[in-house]
Structure formats: C-alpha cells, structure tokens
Amino acid sequence: MSKIRLLMVDDHEIVRAGLRMLLQTQPDIEIVAEADNGRDAVARARELQPDIVLMDISLPDLDGFEATQQIKRALPKTAVLALTMHESDEYFFKMLQAGASGYVPKKAAPTDLVTAIRTVYEGGVFLYPALAKSLVRDYIGRATEGSERAALDGLTEREQEVLKLIADGLTNQEIADKLTISVKTVERHRANIMGKLNLHSRTELVKYAIRKGMIDVEG
C-alpha cells in the first residue's frame, strides 16, 4: 500500500514535533519534509510534489493563503490541508478560496486530523463541523438575499426548513424530532435539496459556493 506523502508546514518547532509524533504512528502516512515559512513551503512542494501539504496560515515571509495559491497553481494535484489556530469565518473562507481542500483548527482531536488527511488524500473535502456549519449558513444567507434566489425558490417550504436546520448543525435524527417526522423523511428531503441545487456531495457544495462568489472574505 502506497503511503500518503505529506509536507508539514508550521513556524513553531514544538508544534511540528508534536505533529511528527502523532503522524509517525500512522502506517499509511509519511512525512517527506518540513518547512517553517511560506517560501520554503512552496519550494519544497515544487521539489518533492507531496500528496498533501499540511499548512499553517500565520507564517513568516509568505502567509499560508499565498503559499497555498502558489502551490495549487504549480501542483494542482497536491492537496492543501489547513491546520491553524485561526477559527474565524474570514480565515476559513479565504483558505478555501486559495485552494485548500480542508480546514482543521489546532484544538481538534488528533483523530480529526488523521481523518482529514485521509479524506483529502482520497479527493474529498474535510471541514471541521463548526466551520462546515458556517459555510452552509453563508450559502443560505446569500441565497435568501438573492444571489442564488432562483435555486432556493425551487425548494418547498419544508425543504427550506430542513436546509436551515442542517445549517444549524442538527443531525437527521434531531431534525426529525424537531419537525415530528421520520428520519427517512428527513433523508428524502436532504436528497431532494441536493438534487434541486444540483449538488451531490459536500465537496460539490464547497466548490459551488466558491465558484458562484457566494463567499465574501474582503474586510
């Protein structure tokens, strides 16, 4: 089985040491190099062409946003996974726009990080639950304001209600309990929502939101 080749980027040695200890215990992950600044991260990525770059945002010389953009332009097949102390929506959306395939706060559990690495390696998008909630809320807000009004108008009142509850982070069971309907009915509504918006996965939702310009990160 081929290993996931990972470039680790963080300007704090103690953080890199902790990550190294965690990731070296994973049989399917190999740290091929480390970098402590953005320019070195881009150079090492170009040289080694890793599967994944684990990218901090606050870096000397070149920040994580610009480093991510440069890496994605040069190596579109290399996935970038943000691992950062910043949890604001602004940083989250800006990293997605830069080309990151996932966003994990440093307070996350080690298992979340390992799952995120494997998810983006397989071509998926990993969003920490609280941040995924922000993305869906942003989508709904812009839809109701008019940027995607036509698409949202294609949903029934019940589907819009379910969509808003999804944005609030409720599970299928919690939505079913709140609306006094069965879980199967909730699942059907979710399928209808994705179908009417022509979306089939979380990955497509992220790409769609970015492509349509529904995310505004300018301060």
Protein backbone atom coordinates (compact mmCIF):
# COMPACT_ATOMS: atom_id res chain seq x y z
CA MET A 1 0.00 0.00 0.00
CA SER A 2 1.43 3.37 -1.02
CA LYS A 3 1.79 5.90 1.77
CA ILE A 4 0.35 9.41 1.89
CA ARG A 5 3.35 11.68 1.27
CA LEU A 6 2.96 14.77 3.43
CA LEU A 7 4.81 18.09 3.66
CA MET A 8 4.35 19.69 7.09
CA VAL A 9 4.45 23.50 7.31
CA ASP A 10 4.47 25.36 10.64
CA ASP A 11 6.80 28.01 12.03
CA HIS A 12 6.81 26.55 15.54
CA GLU A 13 9.22 23.68 16.13
CA ILE A 14 7.25 22.43 19.13
CA VAL A 15 4.10 22.15 17.01
CA ARG A 16 5.94 20.28 14.27
CA ALA A 17 7.46 17.95 16.88
CA GLY A 18 4.01 17.13 18.26
CA LEU A 19 2.59 16.53 14.79
CA ARG A 20 5.58 14.39 13.90
CA MET A 21 4.99 12.18 16.96
CA LEU A 22 1.33 11.79 16.04
CA LEU A 23 1.70 11.17 12.32
CA GLN A 24 4.68 8.83 12.53
CA THR A 25 2.43 6.36 14.34
CA GLN A 26 0.15 6.15 11.30
CA PRO A 27 1.24 3.33 8.97
CA ASP A 28 -0.21 5.00 5.87
CA ILE A 29 1.31 8.48 6.36
CA GLU A 30 4.89 9.53 5.61
CA ILE A 31 6.28 13.00 6.39
CA VAL A 32 8.59 13.68 3.45
CA ALA A 33 9.73 17.15 4.58
CA GLU A 34 9.06 20.08 6.90
CA ALA A 35 9.09 23.84 6.36
CA ASP A 36 8.92 26.74 8.81
CA ASN A 37 7.98 29.54 6.39
CA GLY A 38 5.81 30.06 3.34
CA ARG A 39 8.53 30.49 0.74
CA ASP A 40 10.30 27.32 1.83
CA ALA A 41 6.97 25.50 1.80
CA VAL A 42 6.40 26.42 -1.85
CA ALA A 43 9.96 25.47 -2.80
CA ARG A 44 9.80 22.10 -1.01
CA ALA A 45 6.39 21.36 -2.51
CA ARG A 46 7.68 22.04 -6.02
CA GLU A 47 10.71 19.85 -5.37
CA LEU A 48 9.01 16.88 -3.71
CA GLN A 49 5.45 17.05 -5.12
CA PRO A 50 3.81 15.63 -1.98
CA ASP A 51 0.27 14.30 -1.91
CA ILE A 52 -0.70 16.73 0.84
CA VAL A 53 0.69 19.94 2.30
CA LEU A 54 -0.34 20.45 5.93
CA MET A 55 -0.37 24.24 6.01
CA ASP A 56 -0.38 26.74 8.85
CA ILE A 57 -1.71 30.22 8.00
CA SER A 58 0.45 32.60 10.07
CA LEU A 59 3.88 32.10 8.54
CA PRO A 60 6.92 34.34 8.06
CA ASP A 61 7.97 35.51 4.55
CA LEU A 62 4.78 34.29 2.86
CA ASP A 63 1.48 33.60 4.62
CA GLY A 64 -0.49 30.39 4.26
CA PHE A 65 -3.01 31.93 1.85
CA GLU A 66 -0.42 32.98 -0.73
CA ALA A 67 1.65 29.83 -0.23
CA THR A 68 -1.44 27.72 -0.86
CA GLN A 69 -2.27 29.64 -4.04
CA GLN A 70 1.25 29.24 -5.38
CA ILE A 71 1.36 25.52 -4.57
CA LYS A 72 -2.03 24.87 -6.19
CA ARG A 73 -1.04 26.79 -9.32
CA ALA A 74 2.16 24.78 -9.66
CA LEU A 75 0.83 21.44 -8.40
CA PRO A 76 -2.94 21.18 -8.90
CA LYS A 77 -2.93 17.52 -7.84
CA THR A 78 -1.34 18.30 -4.47
CA ALA A 79 -3.98 18.84 -1.79
CA VAL A 80 -3.54 21.53 0.86
CA LEU A 81 -4.98 20.97 4.31
CA ALA A 82 -5.04 23.97 6.65
CA LEU A 83 -4.13 23.29 10.28
CA THR A 84 -4.31 26.54 12.20
CA MET A 85 -5.18 28.30 15.43
CA HIS A 86 -7.47 30.67 13.50
CA GLU A 87 -11.13 29.69 13.64
CA SER A 88 -12.81 32.80 12.23
CA ASP A 89 -15.03 32.54 9.17
CA GLU A 90 -12.80 35.03 7.35
CA TYR A 91 -9.71 32.82 7.55
CA PHE A 92 -11.77 29.71 6.80
CA PHE A 93 -13.35 31.09 3.62
CA LYS A 94 -10.11 32.70 2.47
CA MET A 95 -8.23 29.41 2.68
CA LEU A 96 -10.96 27.64 0.71
CA GLN A 97 -10.73 30.31 -1.96
CA ALA A 98 -6.95 29.91 -2.02
CA GLY A 99 -7.49 26.26 -2.92
CA ALA A 100 -7.36 24.34 0.36
CA SER A 101 -9.23 21.04 0.47
CA GLY A 102 -9.78 21.12 4.20
CA TYR A 103 -9.57 23.21 7.34
CA VAL A 104 -8.79 21.85 10.81
CA PRO A 105 -8.30 24.01 13.94
CA LYS A 106 -5.34 23.11 16.15
CA LYS A 107 -7.71 22.44 19.04
CA ALA A 108 -9.18 19.49 17.11
CA ALA A 109 -8.69 15.94 18.33
CA PRO A 110 -5.74 14.03 16.82
CA THR A 111 -8.20 11.59 15.25
CA ASP A 112 -9.85 14.50 13.39
CA LEU A 113 -6.54 15.49 11.84
CA VAL A 114 -5.74 11.95 10.73
CA THR A 115 -9.23 11.59 9.27
CA ALA A 116 -8.83 14.93 7.48
CA ILE A 117 -5.53 13.84 5.91
CA ARG A 118 -7.03 10.61 4.62
CA THR A 119 -10.15 12.38 3.38
CA VAL A 120 -8.35 14.97 1.25
CA TYR A 121 -5.92 12.31 0.01
CA GLU A 122 -8.90 10.43 -1.40
CA GLY A 123 -10.08 13.57 -3.20
CA GLY A 124 -12.62 14.71 -0.65
CA VAL A 125 -13.03 17.89 1.35
CA PHE A 126 -12.73 17.90 5.13
CA LEU A 127 -14.37 20.70 7.07
CA TYR A 128 -14.32 20.77 10.83
CA PRO A 129 -18.03 20.51 11.87
CA ALA A 130 -18.36 24.01 13.36
CA LEU A 131 -16.82 25.53 10.23
CA ALA A 132 -18.93 23.44 7.86
CA LYS A 133 -21.93 24.91 9.66
CA SER A 134 -20.65 28.42 8.88
CA LEU A 135 -20.31 27.56 5.19
CA VAL A 136 -23.88 26.29 4.89
CA ARG A 137 -25.21 29.32 6.78
CA ASP A 138 -23.31 31.61 4.41
CA TYR A 139 -24.82 29.73 1.46
CA ILE A 140 -28.34 30.10 2.81
CA GLY A 141 -27.88 33.76 3.67
CA ARG A 142 -26.71 34.63 0.18
CA ALA A 143 -29.43 32.51 -1.40
CA THR A 144 -32.17 34.29 0.54
CA GLU A 145 -30.60 37.67 -0.25
CA GLY A 146 -30.92 36.95 -3.94
CA SER A 147 -27.57 35.77 -5.32
CA GLU A 148 -28.96 32.25 -5.65
CA ARG A 149 -32.62 33.11 -5.19
CA ALA A 150 -33.79 31.15 -8.21
CA ALA A 151 -32.18 27.98 -6.91
CA LEU A 152 -33.61 28.40 -3.42
CA ASP A 153 -37.08 29.20 -4.80
CA GLY A 154 -37.04 25.71 -6.27
CA LEU A 155 -37.25 24.29 -2.74
CA THR A 156 -40.52 23.71 -0.96
CA GLU A 157 -41.14 25.42 2.38
CA ARG A 158 -40.41 22.16 4.16
CA GLU A 159 -37.16 21.68 2.24
CA GLN A 160 -36.08 25.21 3.11
CA GLU A 161 -36.91 24.47 6.73
CA VAL A 162 -34.82 21.29 6.66
CA LEU A 163 -31.98 23.14 4.96
CA LYS A 164 -31.94 25.78 7.69
CA LEU A 165 -31.84 23.10 10.37
CA ILE A 166 -28.94 21.43 8.57
CA ALA A 167 -27.20 24.81 8.67
CA ASP A 168 -27.78 24.90 12.43
CA GLY A 169 -25.76 21.70 12.66
CA LEU A 170 -28.62 19.35 13.57
CA THR A 171 -28.34 15.66 12.77
CA ASN A 172 -31.00 13.82 10.76
CA GLN A 173 -32.44 12.41 13.98
CA GLU A 174 -32.55 15.86 15.64
CA ILE A 175 -34.25 17.36 12.59
CA ALA A 176 -36.77 14.52 12.58
CA ASP A 177 -37.52 15.09 16.27
CA LYS A 178 -37.86 18.84 15.84
CA LEU A 179 -40.20 18.61 12.83
CA THR A 180 -42.03 15.50 14.12
CA ILE A 181 -41.25 13.49 11.01
CA SER A 182 -39.32 10.27 10.41
CA VAL A 183 -35.59 10.10 9.79
CA LYS A 184 -36.34 8.59 6.37
CA THR A 185 -38.41 11.64 5.51
CA VAL A 186 -35.54 13.91 6.53
CA GLU A 187 -33.18 11.87 4.36
CA ARG A 188 -35.58 12.21 1.45
CA HIS A 189 -35.77 15.98 1.93
CA ARG A 190 -31.96 16.19 2.04
CA ALA A 191 -31.75 14.21 -1.20
CA ASN A 192 -34.33 16.49 -2.83
CA ILE A 193 -32.46 19.61 -1.68
CA MET A 194 -29.17 18.38 -3.13
CA GLY A 195 -30.92 17.33 -6.33
CA LYS A 196 -32.70 20.64 -6.86
CA LEU A 197 -29.50 22.58 -6.23
CA ASN A 198 -27.67 20.10 -8.49
CA LEU A 199 -25.25 19.18 -5.71
CA HIS A 200 -24.28 15.65 -4.79
CA SER A 201 -21.70 15.90 -2.03
CA ARG A 202 -20.13 18.24 0.50
CA THR A 203 -17.23 18.67 -1.91
CA GLU A 204 -19.56 19.99 -4.60
CA LEU A 205 -21.25 22.31 -2.11
CA VAL A 206 -17.92 23.92 -1.27
CA LYS A 207 -16.86 24.25 -4.91
CA TYR A 208 -20.29 25.59 -5.88
CA ALA A 209 -20.28 28.24 -3.15
CA ILE A 210 -16.81 29.43 -4.14
CA ARG A 211 -17.50 29.33 -7.89
CA LYS A 212 -20.69 31.37 -7.56
CA GLY A 213 -18.94 34.02 -5.47
CA MET A 214 -21.32 33.47 -2.56
CA ILE A 215 -18.44 33.83 -0.10
CA ASP A 216 -17.14 37.34 0.61
CA VAL A 217 -13.93 37.46 2.60
CA GLU A 218 -12.93 41.04 1.89
CA GLY A 219 -12.77 43.07 5.08
